[in-house]
Amino acid sequence: QVQLVESGGGSVQAGGSLRLSCAASGSTSSINRMAWFRQPPGRQRELVAAITSDKSTNYADSVKGRFTISRDNAKPTSYLQMNNLKPEDSAVYLCSASKLPFGSNFWGQGTQVTVSS
């Protein structure tokens, strides 16, 4: 089993930045893909960014050029640097992990990000 704990959420004004962290514990040697999802109120969960163990990344079109995902395999922790935040980025952000280079087997509890105009 893998446990994930997110941190770093909060409230910022449009144009501001936040850095989210996702700390993994448990059977972390089995982790391949780590990803960030978000779920705005009343809407479906959507993939924001993902990174595999070989550091390959992919991003949602809406965040390309503004968000950067990274990971420290030694800790192990994934990070989501969010710059030039917009009100439409407001959501609960959830971290996930998978034993494969796709999918999500494990989930964190989420952290709230609120961007005001």
PDB file of N, CA and C in Angstrom:
ATOM      1  N   GLN A   1       0.825  -1.196   0.000  1.00  0.00           N
ATOM      2  CA  GLN A   1       0.000   0.000   0.000  1.00  0.00           C
ATOM      3  C   GLN A   1       0.860   1.247   0.000  1.00  0.00           C
ATOM      4  N   VAL A   2       0.310   2.300  -0.555  1.00  0.00           N
ATOM      5  CA  VAL A   2       0.981   3.591  -0.602  1.00  0.00           C
ATOM      6  C   VAL A   2       0.045   4.634  -0.003  1.00  0.00           C
ATOM      7  N   GLN A   3       0.569   5.456   0.863  1.00  0.00           N
ATOM      8  CA  GLN A   3      -0.191   6.567   1.427  1.00  0.00           C
ATOM      9  C   GLN A   3       0.352   7.873   0.845  1.00  0.00           C
ATOM     10  N   LEU A   4      -0.570   8.767   0.512  1.00  0.00           N
ATOM     11  CA  LEU A   4      -0.205  10.049  -0.092  1.00  0.00           C
ATOM     12  C   LEU A   4      -0.797  11.187   0.737  1.00  0.00           C
ATOM     13  N   VAL A   5       0.013  12.200   0.999  1.00  0.00           N
ATOM     14  CA  VAL A   5      -0.451  13.362   1.752  1.00  0.00           C
ATOM     15  C   VAL A   5      -0.067  14.628   0.992  1.00  0.00           C
ATOM     16  N   GLU A   6      -1.084  15.405   0.619  1.00  0.00           N
ATOM     17  CA  GLU A   6      -0.851  16.663  -0.093  1.00  0.00           C
ATOM     18  C   GLU A   6      -0.695  17.815   0.893  1.00  0.00           C
ATOM     19  N   SER A   7       0.020  18.834   0.460  1.00  0.00           N
ATOM     20  CA  SER A   7       0.143  20.068   1.229  1.00  0.00           C
ATOM     21  C   SER A   7       0.437  21.213   0.273  1.00  0.00           C
ATOM     22  N   GLY A   8       0.273  22.432   0.764  1.00  0.00           N
ATOM     23  CA  GLY A   8       0.632  23.601  -0.036  1.00  0.00           C
ATOM     24  C   GLY A   8      -0.525  24.363  -0.631  1.00  0.00           C
ATOM     25  N   GLY A   9      -1.744  23.880  -0.453  1.00  0.00           N
ATOM     26  CA  GLY A   9      -2.886  24.609  -0.984  1.00  0.00           C
ATOM     27  C   GLY A   9      -3.121  25.897  -0.209  1.00  0.00           C
ATOM     28  N   GLY A  10      -4.029  26.705  -0.726  1.00  0.00           N
ATOM     29  CA  GLY A  10      -4.350  27.952  -0.050  1.00  0.00           C
ATOM     30  C   GLY A  10      -5.112  28.882  -0.966  1.00  0.00           C
ATOM     31  N   SER A  11      -5.183  30.142  -0.550  1.00  0.00           N
ATOM     32  CA  SER A  11      -5.897  31.159  -1.313  1.00  0.00           C
ATOM     33  C   SER A  11      -4.914  32.202  -1.826  1.00  0.00           C
ATOM     34  N   VAL A  12      -5.022  32.513  -3.108  1.00  0.00           N
ATOM     35  CA  VAL A  12      -4.161  33.517  -3.718  1.00  0.00           C
ATOM     36  C   VAL A  12      -4.990  34.360  -4.679  1.00  0.00           C
ATOM     37  N   GLN A  13      -4.429  35.497  -5.054  1.00  0.00           N
ATOM     38  CA  GLN A  13      -5.066  36.320  -6.070  1.00  0.00           C
ATOM     39  C   GLN A  13      -4.613  35.875  -7.454  1.00  0.00           C
ATOM     40  N   ALA A  14      -5.421  36.197  -8.438  1.00  0.00           N
ATOM     41  CA  ALA A  14      -5.072  35.862  -9.821  1.00  0.00           C
ATOM     42  C   ALA A  14      -3.688  36.413 -10.155  1.00  0.00           C
ATOM     43  N   GLY A  15      -2.914  35.597 -10.861  1.00  0.00           N
ATOM     44  CA  GLY A  15      -1.544  35.960 -11.189  1.00  0.00           C
ATOM     45  C   GLY A  15      -0.524  35.458 -10.182  1.00  0.00           C
ATOM     46  N   GLY A  16      -0.994  34.980  -9.053  1.00  0.00           N
ATOM     47  CA  GLY A  16      -0.096  34.496  -8.025  1.00  0.00           C
ATOM     48  C   GLY A  16       0.374  33.072  -8.281  1.00  0.00           C
ATOM     49  N   SER A  17       1.151  32.548  -7.331  1.00  0.00           N
ATOM     50  CA  SER A  17       1.733  31.214  -7.454  1.00  0.00           C
ATOM     51  C   SER A  17       1.521  30.405  -6.183  1.00  0.00           C
ATOM     52  N   LEU A  18       1.478  29.116  -6.356  1.00  0.00           N
ATOM     53  CA  LEU A  18       1.451  28.167  -5.251  1.00  0.00           C
ATOM     54  C   LEU A  18       2.267  26.948  -5.646  1.00  0.00           C
ATOM     55  N   ARG A  19       2.808  26.275  -4.648  1.00  0.00           N
ATOM     56  CA  ARG A  19       3.524  25.031  -4.885  1.00  0.00           C
ATOM     57  C   ARG A  19       2.899  23.948  -4.031  1.00  0.00           C
ATOM     58  N   LEU A  20       2.370  22.930  -4.676  1.00  0.00           N
ATOM     59  CA  LEU A  20       1.778  21.794  -3.980  1.00  0.00           C
ATOM     60  C   LEU A  20       2.813  20.685  -3.849  1.00  0.00           C
ATOM     61  N   SER A  21       2.733  19.972  -2.736  1.00  0.00           N
ATOM     62  CA  SER A  21       3.604  18.830  -2.504  1.00  0.00           C
ATOM     63  C   SER A  21       2.759  17.604  -2.213  1.00  0.00           C
ATOM     64  N   CYS A  22       3.258  16.449  -2.619  1.00  0.00           N
ATOM     65  CA  CYS A  22       2.599  15.168  -2.348  1.00  0.00           C
ATOM     66  C   CYS A  22       3.652  14.207  -1.827  1.00  0.00           C
ATOM     67  N   ALA A  23       3.570  13.924  -0.539  1.00  0.00           N
ATOM     68  CA  ALA A  23       4.544  13.046   0.100  1.00  0.00           C
ATOM     69  C   ALA A  23       4.000  11.627   0.137  1.00  0.00           C
ATOM     70  N   ALA A  24       4.781  10.694  -0.361  1.00  0.00           N
ATOM     71  CA  ALA A  24       4.373   9.293  -0.400  1.00  0.00           C
ATOM     72  C   ALA A  24       5.062   8.507   0.710  1.00  0.00           C
ATOM     73  N   SER A  25       4.349   7.535   1.264  1.00  0.00           N
ATOM     74  CA  SER A  25       4.924   6.635   2.267  1.00  0.00           C
ATOM     75  C   SER A  25       4.350   5.241   2.045  1.00  0.00           C
ATOM     76  N   GLY A  26       4.979   4.252   2.669  1.00  0.00           N
ATOM     77  CA  GLY A  26       4.544   2.869   2.483  1.00  0.00           C
ATOM     78  C   GLY A  26       5.410   2.180   1.439  1.00  0.00           C
ATOM     79  N   SER A  27       4.780   1.442   0.539  1.00  0.00           N
ATOM     80  CA  SER A  27       5.500   0.682  -0.483  1.00  0.00           C
ATOM     81  C   SER A  27       5.873   1.595  -1.654  1.00  0.00           C
ATOM     82  N   THR A  28       6.686   2.583  -1.376  1.00  0.00           N
ATOM     83  CA  THR A  28       6.972   3.609  -2.379  1.00  0.00           C
ATOM     84  C   THR A  28       7.863   3.124  -3.508  1.00  0.00           C
ATOM     85  N   SER A  29       8.608   2.048  -3.289  1.00  0.00           N
ATOM     86  CA  SER A  29       9.487   1.562  -4.358  1.00  0.00           C
ATOM     87  C   SER A  29       8.687   1.058  -5.548  1.00  0.00           C
ATOM     88  N   SER A  30       7.400   0.799  -5.342  1.00  0.00           N
ATOM     89  CA  SER A  30       6.562   0.292  -6.422  1.00  0.00           C
ATOM     90  C   SER A  30       5.960   1.404  -7.277  1.00  0.00           C
ATOM     91  N   ILE A  31       6.154   2.657  -6.870  1.00  0.00           N
ATOM     92  CA  ILE A  31       5.526   3.771  -7.588  1.00  0.00           C
ATOM     93  C   ILE A  31       6.217   4.040  -8.910  1.00  0.00           C
ATOM     94  N   ASN A  32       5.430   4.126  -9.966  1.00  0.00           N
ATOM     95  CA  ASN A  32       5.945   4.556 -11.268  1.00  0.00           C
ATOM     96  C   ASN A  32       5.431   5.960 -11.565  1.00  0.00           C
ATOM     97  N   ARG A  33       4.130   6.076 -11.809  1.00  0.00           N
ATOM     98  CA  ARG A  33       3.548   7.353 -12.187  1.00  0.00           C
ATOM     99  C   ARG A  33       2.996   8.087 -10.975  1.00  0.00           C
ATOM    100  N   MET A  34       3.267   9.381 -10.916  1.00  0.00           N
ATOM    101  CA  MET A  34       2.631  10.261  -9.940  1.00  0.00           C
ATOM    102  C   MET A  34       1.915  11.357 -10.720  1.00  0.00           C
ATOM    103  N   ALA A  35       0.751  11.717 -10.252  1.00  0.00           N
ATOM    104  CA  ALA A  35      -0.055  12.666 -11.005  1.00  0.00           C
ATOM    105  C   ALA A  35      -0.818  13.589 -10.069  1.00  0.00           C
ATOM    106  N   TRP A  36      -1.226  14.719 -10.623  1.00  0.00           N
ATOM    107  CA  TRP A  36      -2.098  15.658  -9.933  1.00  0.00           C
ATOM    108  C   TRP A  36      -3.395  15.779 -10.734  1.00  0.00           C
ATOM    109  N   PHE A  37      -4.491  15.681 -10.012  1.00  0.00           N
ATOM    110  CA  PHE A  37      -5.817  15.900 -10.573  1.00  0.00           C
ATOM    111  C   PHE A  37      -6.441  17.079  -9.833  1.00  0.00           C
ATOM    112  N   ARG A  38      -7.513  17.605 -10.406  1.00  0.00           N
ATOM    113  CA  ARG A  38      -8.271  18.623  -9.686  1.00  0.00           C
ATOM    114  C   ARG A  38      -9.756  18.416  -9.942  1.00  0.00           C
ATOM    115  N   GLN A  39     -10.535  18.843  -8.970  1.00  0.00           N
ATOM    116  CA  GLN A  39     -11.989  18.714  -9.072  1.00  0.00           C
ATOM    117  C   GLN A  39     -12.640  20.000  -8.603  1.00  0.00           C
ATOM    118  N   PRO A  40     -13.097  20.836  -9.549  1.00  0.00           N
ATOM    119  CA  PRO A  40     -13.817  22.047  -9.164  1.00  0.00           C
ATOM    120  C   PRO A  40     -15.194  21.675  -8.621  1.00  0.00           C
ATOM    121  N   PRO A  41     -15.830  22.535  -7.860  1.00  0.00           N
ATOM    122  CA  PRO A  41     -17.152  22.229  -7.306  1.00  0.00           C
ATOM    123  C   PRO A  41     -18.162  21.900  -8.403  1.00  0.00           C
ATOM    124  N   GLY A  42     -18.861  20.780  -8.253  1.00  0.00           N
ATOM    125  CA  GLY A  42     -19.894  20.406  -9.189  1.00  0.00           C
ATOM    126  C   GLY A  42     -19.405  19.911 -10.535  1.00  0.00           C
ATOM    127  N   ARG A  43     -18.101  19.688 -10.653  1.00  0.00           N
ATOM    128  CA  ARG A  43     -17.564  19.248 -11.932  1.00  0.00           C
ATOM    129  C   ARG A  43     -16.771  17.962 -11.763  1.00  0.00           C
ATOM    130  N   GLN A  44     -16.447  17.336 -12.876  1.00  0.00           N
ATOM    131  CA  GLN A  44     -15.720  16.075 -12.827  1.00  0.00           C
ATOM    132  C   GLN A  44     -14.237  16.298 -12.540  1.00  0.00           C
ATOM    133  N   ARG A  45     -13.640  15.277 -11.980  1.00  0.00           N
ATOM    134  CA  ARG A  45     -12.214  15.307 -11.737  1.00  0.00           C
ATOM    135  C   ARG A  45     -11.471  15.284 -13.067  1.00  0.00           C
ATOM    136  N   GLU A  46     -10.408  16.070 -13.177  1.00  0.00           N
ATOM    137  CA  GLU A  46      -9.638  16.114 -14.415  1.00  0.00           C
ATOM    138  C   GLU A  46      -8.145  16.027 -14.120  1.00  0.00           C
ATOM    139  N   LEU A  47      -7.425  15.426 -15.041  1.00  0.00           N
ATOM    140  CA  LEU A  47      -5.982  15.327 -14.912  1.00  0.00           C
ATOM    141  C   LEU A  47      -5.357  16.689 -15.176  1.00  0.00           C
ATOM    142  N   VAL A  48      -4.445  17.075 -14.287  1.00  0.00           N
ATOM    143  CA  VAL A  48      -3.710  18.329 -14.453  1.00  0.00           C
ATOM    144  C   VAL A  48      -2.333  18.060 -15.036  1.00  0.00           C
ATOM    145  N   ALA A  49      -1.598  17.140 -14.410  1.00  0.00           N
ATOM    146  CA  ALA A  49      -0.245  16.828 -14.858  1.00  0.00           C
ATOM    147  C   ALA A  49       0.163  15.475 -14.294  1.00  0.00           C
ATOM    148  N   ALA A  50       1.078  14.817 -15.006  1.00  0.00           N
ATOM    149  CA  ALA A  50       1.569  13.523 -14.555  1.00  0.00           C
ATOM    150  C   ALA A  50       3.047  13.400 -14.884  1.00  0.00           C
ATOM    151  N   ILE A  51       3.735  12.577 -14.086  1.00  0.00           N
ATOM    152  CA  ILE A  51       5.161  12.338 -14.301  1.00  0.00           C
ATOM    153  C   ILE A  51       5.454  10.888 -13.973  1.00  0.00           C
ATOM    154  N   THR A  52       6.211  10.233 -14.845  1.00  0.00           N
ATOM    155  CA  THR A  52       6.555   8.842 -14.617  1.00  0.00           C
ATOM    156  C   THR A  52       7.939   8.736 -13.974  1.00  0.00           C
ATOM    157  N   SER A  53       8.324   7.522 -13.641  1.00  0.00           N
ATOM    158  CA  SER A  53       9.593   7.321 -12.934  1.00  0.00           C
ATOM    159  C   SER A  53      10.792   7.729 -13.781  1.00  0.00           C
ATOM    160  N   ASP A  54      10.632   7.743 -15.111  1.00  0.00           N
ATOM    161  CA  ASP A  54      11.735   8.200 -15.967  1.00  0.00           C
ATOM    162  C   ASP A  54      11.631   9.688 -16.275  1.00  0.00           C
ATOM    163  N   LYS A  55      10.769  10.388 -15.525  1.00  0.00           N
ATOM    164  CA  LYS A  55      10.610  11.841 -15.586  1.00  0.00           C
ATOM    165  C   LYS A  55       9.868  12.322 -16.836  1.00  0.00           C
ATOM    166  N   SER A  56       9.223  11.440 -17.555  1.00  0.00           N
ATOM    167  CA  SER A  56       8.369  11.881 -18.655  1.00  0.00           C
ATOM    168  C   SER A  56       7.144  12.576 -18.081  1.00  0.00           C
ATOM    169  N   THR A  57       6.731  13.670 -18.698  1.00  0.00           N
ATOM    170  CA  THR A  57       5.613  14.445 -18.172  1.00  0.00           C
ATOM    171  C   THR A  57       4.544  14.672 -19.236  1.00  0.00           C
ATOM    172  N   ASN A  58       3.330  14.917 -18.764  1.00  0.00           N
ATOM    173  CA  ASN A  58       2.272  15.392 -19.646  1.00  0.00           C
ATOM    174  C   ASN A  58       1.360  16.315 -18.845  1.00  0.00           C
ATOM    175  N   TYR A  59       0.758  17.257 -19.562  1.00  0.00           N
ATOM    176  CA  TYR A  59      -0.039  18.304 -18.926  1.00  0.00           C
ATOM    177  C   TYR A  59      -1.378  18.475 -19.638  1.00  0.00           C
ATOM    178  N   ALA A  60      -2.364  18.918 -18.887  1.00  0.00           N
ATOM    179  CA  ALA A  60      -3.608  19.369 -19.492  1.00  0.00           C
ATOM    180  C   ALA A  60      -3.316  20.636 -20.291  1.00  0.00           C
ATOM    181  N   ASP A  61      -3.997  20.800 -21.410  1.00  0.00           N
ATOM    182  CA  ASP A  61      -3.768  21.978 -22.251  1.00  0.00           C
ATOM    183  C   ASP A  61      -3.981  23.274 -21.476  1.00  0.00           C
ATOM    184  N   SER A  62      -4.917  23.264 -20.546  1.00  0.00           N
ATOM    185  CA  SER A  62      -5.278  24.487 -19.821  1.00  0.00           C
ATOM    186  C   SER A  62      -4.176  24.974 -18.885  1.00  0.00           C
ATOM    187  N   VAL A  63      -3.199  24.117 -18.570  1.00  0.00           N
ATOM    188  CA  VAL A  63      -2.151  24.525 -17.626  1.00  0.00           C
ATOM    189  C   VAL A  63      -0.769  24.560 -18.254  1.00  0.00           C
ATOM    190  N   LYS A  64      -0.652  24.165 -19.506  1.00  0.00           N
ATOM    191  CA  LYS A  64       0.655  24.150 -20.160  1.00  0.00           C
ATOM    192  C   LYS A  64       1.266  25.545 -20.150  1.00  0.00           C
ATOM    193  N   GLY A  65       2.534  25.611 -19.796  1.00  0.00           N
ATOM    194  CA  GLY A  65       3.236  26.887 -19.743  1.00  0.00           C
ATOM    195  C   GLY A  65       3.072  27.614 -18.418  1.00  0.00           C
ATOM    196  N   ARG A  66       2.151  27.152 -17.567  1.00  0.00           N
ATOM    197  CA  ARG A  66       1.929  27.794 -16.268  1.00  0.00           C
ATOM    198  C   ARG A  66       2.274  26.860 -15.099  1.00  0.00           C
ATOM    199  N   PHE A  67       2.005  25.578 -15.254  1.00  0.00           N
ATOM    200  CA  PHE A  67       2.239  24.597 -14.189  1.00  0.00           C
ATOM    201  C   PHE A  67       3.426  23.713 -14.567  1.00  0.00           C
ATOM    202  N   THR A  68       4.151  23.283 -13.545  1.00  0.00           N
ATOM    203  CA  THR A  68       5.271  22.364 -13.752  1.00  0.00           C
ATOM    204  C   THR A  68       5.217  21.266 -12.701  1.00  0.00           C
ATOM    205  N   ILE A  69       5.221  20.030 -13.157  1.00  0.00           N
ATOM    206  CA  ILE A  69       5.254  18.887 -12.241  1.00  0.00           C
ATOM    207  C   ILE A  69       6.688  18.373 -12.147  1.00  0.00           C
ATOM    208  N   SER A  70       7.069  17.964 -10.964  1.00  0.00           N
ATOM    209  CA  SER A  70       8.400  17.392 -10.757  1.00  0.00           C
ATOM    210  C   SER A  70       8.307  16.353  -9.650  1.00  0.00           C
ATOM    211  N   ARG A  71       9.375  15.619  -9.451  1.00  0.00           N
ATOM    212  CA  ARG A  71       9.369  14.615  -8.389  1.00  0.00           C
ATOM    213  C   ARG A  71      10.781  14.402  -7.870  1.00  0.00           C
ATOM    214  N   ASP A  72      10.836  14.018  -6.616  1.00  0.00           N
ATOM    215  CA  ASP A  72      12.090  13.650  -5.964  1.00  0.00           C
ATOM    216  C   ASP A  72      11.940  12.196  -5.558  1.00  0.00           C
ATOM    217  N   ASN A  73      12.527  11.305  -6.311  1.00  0.00           N
ATOM    218  CA  ASN A  73      12.357   9.880  -6.046  1.00  0.00           C
ATOM    219  C   ASN A  73      13.006   9.459  -4.724  1.00  0.00           C
ATOM    220  N   ALA A  74      13.938  10.207  -4.239  1.00  0.00           N
ATOM    221  CA  ALA A  74      14.628   9.847  -3.002  1.00  0.00           C
ATOM    222  C   ALA A  74      13.731  10.035  -1.787  1.00  0.00           C
ATOM    223  N   LYS A  75      12.752  10.936  -1.850  1.00  0.00           N
ATOM    224  CA  LYS A  75      11.970  11.240  -0.656  1.00  0.00           C
ATOM    225  C   LYS A  75      10.858  10.261  -0.333  1.00  0.00           C
ATOM    226  N   PRO A  76      10.005   9.793  -1.224  1.00  0.00           N
ATOM    227  CA  PRO A  76       9.649  10.303  -2.555  1.00  0.00           C
ATOM    228  C   PRO A  76       8.478  11.276  -2.479  1.00  0.00           C
ATOM    229  N   THR A  77       8.548  12.287  -3.268  1.00  0.00           N
ATOM    230  CA  THR A  77       7.570  13.369  -3.243  1.00  0.00           C
ATOM    231  C   THR A  77       7.398  13.921  -4.654  1.00  0.00           C
ATOM    232  N   SER A  78       6.163  14.275  -4.972  1.00  0.00           N
ATOM    233  CA  SER A  78       5.941  14.991  -6.228  1.00  0.00           C
ATOM    234  C   SER A  78       5.531  16.413  -5.899  1.00  0.00           C
ATOM    235  N   TYR A  79       5.798  17.305  -6.826  1.00  0.00           N
ATOM    236  CA  TYR A  79       5.507  18.717  -6.645  1.00  0.00           C
ATOM    237  C   TYR A  79       4.738  19.246  -7.849  1.00  0.00           C
ATOM    238  N   LEU A  80       3.886  20.219  -7.590  1.00  0.00           N
ATOM    239  CA  LEU A  80       3.203  20.911  -8.670  1.00  0.00           C
ATOM    240  C   LEU A  80       3.390  22.408  -8.452  1.00  0.00           C
ATOM    241  N   GLN A  81       4.254  23.008  -9.257  1.00  0.00           N
ATOM    242  CA  GLN A  81       4.467  24.444  -9.199  1.00  0.00           C
ATOM    243  C   GLN A  81       3.441  25.111 -10.104  1.00  0.00           C
ATOM    244  N   MET A  82       2.625  25.970  -9.520  1.00  0.00           N
ATOM    245  CA  MET A  82       1.544  26.616 -10.257  1.00  0.00           C
ATOM    246  C   MET A  82       1.792  28.120 -10.292  1.00  0.00           C
ATOM    247  N   ASN A  83       2.024  28.643 -11.484  1.00  0.00           N
ATOM    248  CA  ASN A  83       2.273  30.070 -11.671  1.00  0.00           C
ATOM    249  C   ASN A  83       1.152  30.705 -12.487  1.00  0.00           C
ATOM    250  N   ASN A  84       1.057  32.013 -12.394  1.00  0.00           N
ATOM    251  CA  ASN A  84       0.037  32.759 -13.144  1.00  0.00           C
ATOM    252  C   ASN A  84      -1.345  32.123 -12.962  1.00  0.00           C
ATOM    253  N   LEU A  85      -1.703  31.911 -11.715  1.00  0.00           N
ATOM    254  CA  LEU A  85      -2.969  31.245 -11.408  1.00  0.00           C
ATOM    255  C   LEU A  85      -4.165  32.091 -11.838  1.00  0.00           C
ATOM    256  N   LYS A  86      -5.205  31.395 -12.264  1.00  0.00           N
ATOM    257  CA  LYS A  86      -6.438  32.027 -12.724  1.00  0.00           C
ATOM    258  C   LYS A  86      -7.594  31.555 -11.848  1.00  0.00           C
ATOM    259  N   PRO A  87      -8.673  32.334 -11.774  1.00  0.00           N
ATOM    260  CA  PRO A  87      -9.826  31.895 -10.970  1.00  0.00           C
ATOM    261  C   PRO A  87     -10.331  30.509 -11.369  1.00  0.00           C
ATOM    262  N   GLU A  88     -10.236  30.179 -12.645  1.00  0.00           N
ATOM    263  CA  GLU A  88     -10.711  28.872 -13.091  1.00  0.00           C
ATOM    264  C   GLU A  88      -9.813  27.721 -12.652  1.00  0.00           C
ATOM    265  N   ASP A  89      -8.685  28.032 -12.039  1.00  0.00           N
ATOM    266  CA  ASP A  89      -7.830  26.985 -11.462  1.00  0.00           C
ATOM    267  C   ASP A  89      -8.309  26.575 -10.065  1.00  0.00           C
ATOM    268  N   SER A  90      -9.281  27.288  -9.520  1.00  0.00           N
ATOM    269  CA  SER A  90      -9.789  26.969  -8.188  1.00  0.00           C
ATOM    270  C   SER A  90     -10.413  25.582  -8.181  1.00  0.00           C
ATOM    271  N   ALA A  91      -9.991  24.753  -7.229  1.00  0.00           N
ATOM    272  CA  ALA A  91     -10.468  23.368  -7.154  1.00  0.00           C
ATOM    273  C   ALA A  91      -9.820  22.689  -5.957  1.00  0.00           C
ATOM    274  N   VAL A  92     -10.298  21.488  -5.672  1.00  0.00           N
ATOM    275  CA  VAL A  92      -9.566  20.592  -4.781  1.00  0.00           C
ATOM    276  C   VAL A  92      -8.551  19.851  -5.641  1.00  0.00           C
ATOM    277  N   TYR A  93      -7.295  19.926  -5.254  1.00  0.00           N
ATOM    278  CA  TYR A  93      -6.234  19.259  -5.993  1.00  0.00           C
ATOM    279  C   TYR A  93      -5.868  17.962  -5.269  1.00  0.00           C
ATOM    280  N   LEU A  94      -5.849  16.874  -6.027  1.00  0.00           N
ATOM    281  CA  LEU A  94      -5.577  15.556  -5.452  1.00  0.00           C
ATOM    282  C   LEU A  94      -4.347  14.939  -6.116  1.00  0.00           C
ATOM    283  N   CYS A  95      -3.550  14.314  -5.303  1.00  0.00           N
ATOM    284  CA  CYS A  95      -2.375  13.607  -5.768  1.00  0.00           C
ATOM    285  C   CYS A  95      -2.720  12.130  -5.950  1.00  0.00           C
ATOM    286  N   SER A  96      -2.133  11.519  -6.975  1.00  0.00           N
ATOM    287  CA  SER A  96      -2.322  10.080  -7.148  1.00  0.00           C
ATOM    288  C   SER A  96      -0.992   9.422  -7.484  1.00  0.00           C
ATOM    289  N   ALA A  97      -0.954   8.099  -7.302  1.00  0.00           N
ATOM    290  CA  ALA A  97       0.236   7.325  -7.623  1.00  0.00           C
ATOM    291  C   ALA A  97      -0.187   5.998  -8.227  1.00  0.00           C
ATOM    292  N   SER A  98       0.684   5.475  -9.082  1.00  0.00           N
ATOM    293  CA  SER A  98       0.378   4.207  -9.746  1.00  0.00           C
ATOM    294  C   SER A  98       1.640   3.365  -9.850  1.00  0.00           C
ATOM    295  N   LYS A  99       1.447   2.064  -9.841  1.00  0.00           N
ATOM    296  CA  LYS A  99       2.569   1.139 -10.027  1.00  0.00           C
ATOM    297  C   LYS A  99       2.948   1.017 -11.492  1.00  0.00           C
ATOM    298  N   LEU A 100       2.089   1.494 -12.357  1.00  0.00           N
ATOM    299  CA  LEU A 100       2.309   1.433 -13.795  1.00  0.00           C
ATOM    300  C   LEU A 100       2.517   2.850 -14.323  1.00  0.00           C
ATOM    301  N   PRO A 101       3.009   2.986 -15.583  1.00  0.00           N
ATOM    302  CA  PRO A 101       3.193   4.348 -16.134  1.00  0.00           C
ATOM    303  C   PRO A 101       1.896   4.991 -16.598  1.00  0.00           C
ATOM    304  N   PHE A 102       0.782   4.508 -16.098  1.00  0.00           N
ATOM    305  CA  PHE A 102      -0.513   5.088 -16.414  1.00  0.00           C
ATOM    306  C   PHE A 102      -1.466   4.702 -15.280  1.00  0.00           C
ATOM    307  N   GLY A 103      -2.615   5.372 -15.232  1.00  0.00           N
ATOM    308  CA  GLY A 103      -3.608   5.045 -14.215  1.00  0.00           C
ATOM    309  C   GLY A 103      -3.272   5.598 -12.843  1.00  0.00           C
ATOM    310  N   SER A 104      -4.167   5.348 -11.889  1.00  0.00           N
ATOM    311  CA  SER A 104      -4.012   5.819 -10.513  1.00  0.00           C
ATOM    312  C   SER A 104      -4.529   4.749  -9.558  1.00  0.00           C
ATOM    313  N   ASN A 105      -3.599   4.164  -8.772  1.00  0.00           N
ATOM    314  CA  ASN A 105      -3.980   3.148  -7.800  1.00  0.00           C
ATOM    315  C   ASN A 105      -4.249   3.727  -6.421  1.00  0.00           C
ATOM    316  N   PHE A 106      -3.559   4.817  -6.105  1.00  0.00           N
ATOM    317  CA  PHE A 106      -3.613   5.379  -4.769  1.00  0.00           C
ATOM    318  C   PHE A 106      -3.907   6.867  -4.858  1.00  0.00           C
ATOM    319  N   TRP A 107      -4.628   7.372  -3.838  1.00  0.00           N
ATOM    320  CA  TRP A 107      -5.051   8.766  -3.854  1.00  0.00           C
ATOM    321  C   TRP A 107      -4.791   9.424  -2.503  1.00  0.00           C
ATOM    322  N   GLY A 108      -4.472  10.715  -2.549  1.00  0.00           N
ATOM    323  CA  GLY A 108      -4.417  11.508  -1.335  1.00  0.00           C
ATOM    324  C   GLY A 108      -5.797  12.057  -1.027  1.00  0.00           C
ATOM    325  N   GLN A 109      -5.881  12.827   0.059  1.00  0.00           N
ATOM    326  CA  GLN A 109      -7.184  13.343   0.498  1.00  0.00           C
ATOM    327  C   GLN A 109      -7.537  14.665  -0.164  1.00  0.00           C
ATOM    328  N   GLY A 110      -6.560  15.329  -0.782  1.00  0.00           N
ATOM    329  CA  GLY A 110      -6.828  16.565  -1.502  1.00  0.00           C
ATOM    330  C   GLY A 110      -6.467  17.806  -0.709  1.00  0.00           C
ATOM    331  N   THR A 111      -6.173  18.865  -1.432  1.00  0.00           N
ATOM    332  CA  THR A 111      -5.894  20.159  -0.824  1.00  0.00           C
ATOM    333  C   THR A 111      -6.594  21.240  -1.656  1.00  0.00           C
ATOM    334  N   GLN A 112      -7.186  22.210  -0.971  1.00  0.00           N
ATOM    335  CA  GLN A 112      -7.989  23.228  -1.644  1.00  0.00           C
ATOM    336  C   GLN A 112      -7.103  24.349  -2.182  1.00  0.00           C
ATOM    337  N   VAL A 113      -7.355  24.721  -3.425  1.00  0.00           N
ATOM    338  CA  VAL A 113      -6.718  25.888  -4.032  1.00  0.00           C
ATOM    339  C   VAL A 113      -7.825  26.847  -4.460  1.00  0.00           C
ATOM    340  N   THR A 114      -7.753  28.075  -3.978  1.00  0.00           N
ATOM    341  CA  THR A 114      -8.747  29.081  -4.317  1.00  0.00           C
ATOM    342  C   THR A 114      -8.038  30.307  -4.889  1.00  0.00           C
ATOM    343  N   VAL A 115      -8.440  30.698  -6.098  1.00  0.00           N
ATOM    344  CA  VAL A 115      -7.840  31.843  -6.774  1.00  0.00           C
ATOM    345  C   VAL A 115      -8.909  32.911  -6.955  1.00  0.00           C
ATOM    346  N   SER A 116      -8.672  34.069  -6.394  1.00  0.00           N
ATOM    347  CA  SER A 116      -9.647  35.162  -6.486  1.00  0.00           C
ATOM    348  C   SER A 116      -9.227  36.162  -7.562  1.00  0.00           C
ATOM    349  N   SER A 117     -10.218  36.762  -8.178  1.00  0.00           N
ATOM    350  CA  SER A 117      -9.935  37.733  -9.257  1.00  0.00           C
ATOM    351  C   SER A 117      -9.723  39.125  -8.714  1.00  0.00           C
TER     352      SER A 117
END
